[in-house]
Amino acid sequence: MNISTHTTSPDWHAADIQAQLKKLGWTLRQLSFAHDYSSNVCNQTLRRPWPAVEKIIATALGRRPWEIWPSRYDAKHQPIYKRPTAPLRPYRGSRNSSRSAHEHNV
């Protein structure tokens, strides 16, 4: 399925992004930490859209996100996908709560 038909150039390959970052003295892990994210956030963004982190990576490379991931942006340079924000679910205990209760009665 083609996400966007307005682009003629493909997204950068993940290895090319990593190589360019390495030339500039960065790893994806370091970039994640430098922006107060967990260690694998930038790496995840190579596989899935995440506009805020795409901007971080692009800035480190001296580029704009739509230059690196044209399939993720429309003709006006707006992200096609936004990272979903699911509401927090209330904690309902562990799946083994019945087992735990049984163990306490023994």
Protein backbone atom coordinates (compact mmCIF):
# COMPACT_ATOMS: atom_id res chain seq x y z
CA MET A 1 0.00 0.00 0.00
CA ASN A 2 1.45 3.33 -1.06
CA ILE A 3 0.98 5.91 1.69
CA SER A 4 1.78 8.95 -0.38
CA THR A 5 1.80 9.51 -4.12
CA HIS A 6 3.21 13.06 -4.16
CA THR A 7 6.82 12.05 -3.67
CA THR A 8 9.27 10.73 -6.17
CA SER A 9 12.11 9.94 -3.80
CA PRO A 10 11.99 7.07 -1.34
CA ASP A 11 12.51 7.35 2.39
CA TRP A 12 16.10 7.13 3.52
CA HIS A 13 17.21 3.66 4.44
CA ALA A 14 17.65 3.13 8.19
CA ALA A 15 21.31 2.18 7.70
CA ASP A 16 21.94 5.44 5.83
CA ILE A 17 20.39 7.45 8.66
CA GLN A 18 22.53 5.62 11.21
CA ALA A 19 25.67 6.07 9.11
CA GLN A 20 25.10 9.80 8.69
CA LEU A 21 24.49 10.19 12.42
CA LYS A 22 27.67 8.24 13.16
CA LYS A 23 29.67 10.57 10.89
CA LEU A 24 28.35 13.46 12.99
CA GLY A 25 29.30 11.75 16.25
CA TRP A 26 25.83 10.48 17.25
CA THR A 27 24.19 7.14 17.79
CA LEU A 28 20.43 6.73 17.91
CA ARG A 29 20.75 5.80 21.57
CA GLN A 30 22.74 8.94 22.40
CA LEU A 31 20.25 11.07 20.50
CA SER A 32 17.36 9.54 22.43
CA PHE A 33 19.04 10.21 25.78
CA ALA A 34 20.05 13.73 24.75
CA HIS A 35 16.38 14.57 24.31
CA ASP A 36 15.16 12.85 27.48
CA TYR A 37 13.67 9.82 25.75
CA SER A 38 14.30 6.18 26.57
CA SER A 39 17.18 4.50 24.79
CA ASN A 40 15.27 2.94 21.89
CA VAL A 41 12.91 5.77 20.89
CA CYS A 42 14.96 7.04 17.96
CA ASN A 43 15.50 3.49 16.77
CA GLN A 44 11.73 2.85 16.83
CA THR A 45 11.19 5.95 14.72
CA LEU A 46 13.15 4.37 11.89
CA ARG A 47 10.36 1.80 11.60
CA ARG A 48 7.26 3.74 12.69
CA PRO A 49 6.18 7.35 12.28
CA TRP A 50 6.75 9.61 15.27
CA PRO A 51 6.87 13.23 14.07
CA ALA A 52 8.43 14.74 17.22
CA VAL A 53 11.33 12.29 17.14
CA GLU A 54 11.65 12.47 13.35
CA LYS A 55 12.30 16.19 13.85
CA ILE A 56 15.04 15.44 16.39
CA ILE A 57 16.77 13.03 14.02
CA ALA A 58 16.40 15.37 11.05
CA THR A 59 17.78 18.33 13.01
CA ALA A 60 20.82 16.28 14.05
CA LEU A 61 21.37 15.51 10.36
CA GLY A 62 20.86 19.13 9.26
CA ARG A 63 17.76 18.14 7.31
CA ARG A 64 14.00 18.43 7.54
CA PRO A 65 11.90 15.39 8.43
CA TRP A 66 10.06 15.32 5.09
CA GLU A 67 13.40 15.15 3.28
CA ILE A 68 14.29 11.96 5.15
CA TRP A 69 10.81 10.38 5.28
CA PRO A 70 8.83 11.81 2.34
CA SER A 71 6.25 9.01 2.60
CA ARG A 72 5.33 10.19 6.11
CA TYR A 73 4.51 13.78 5.10
CA ASP A 74 1.95 15.40 2.81
CA ALA A 75 2.60 18.04 0.14
CA LYS A 76 2.38 20.80 2.79
CA HIS A 77 5.02 19.05 4.93
CA GLN A 78 2.48 18.03 7.56
CA PRO A 79 2.79 14.56 9.11
CA ILE A 80 0.38 12.09 7.55
CA TYR A 81 0.31 10.01 10.72
CA LYS A 82 0.29 11.23 14.25
CA ARG A 83 1.48 9.06 17.07
CA PRO A 84 -1.66 7.79 18.77
CA THR A 85 -2.21 8.78 22.34
CA ALA A 86 -4.28 6.15 24.06
CA PRO A 87 -5.90 7.03 27.34
CA LEU A 88 -4.37 5.40 30.36
CA ARG A 89 -6.22 2.31 31.49
CA PRO A 90 -6.91 1.91 35.17
CA TYR A 91 -4.78 -0.64 36.95
CA ARG A 92 -6.74 -3.83 37.51
CA GLY A 93 -4.16 -5.99 39.19
CA SER A 94 -2.11 -8.80 37.76
CA ARG A 95 -3.45 -11.55 35.59
CA ASN A 96 -2.53 -14.00 38.30
CA SER A 97 -4.44 -12.18 41.02
CA SER A 98 -6.64 -15.23 41.71
CA ARG A 99 -3.53 -17.36 42.12
CA SER A 100 -2.00 -14.81 44.48
CA ALA A 101 -5.13 -14.73 46.59
CA HIS A 102 -5.12 -18.53 46.76
CA GLU A 103 -1.46 -18.57 47.80
CA HIS A 104 -2.20 -16.19 50.66
CA ASN A 105 -4.94 -18.47 51.98
CA VAL A 106 -2.73 -21.53 52.03
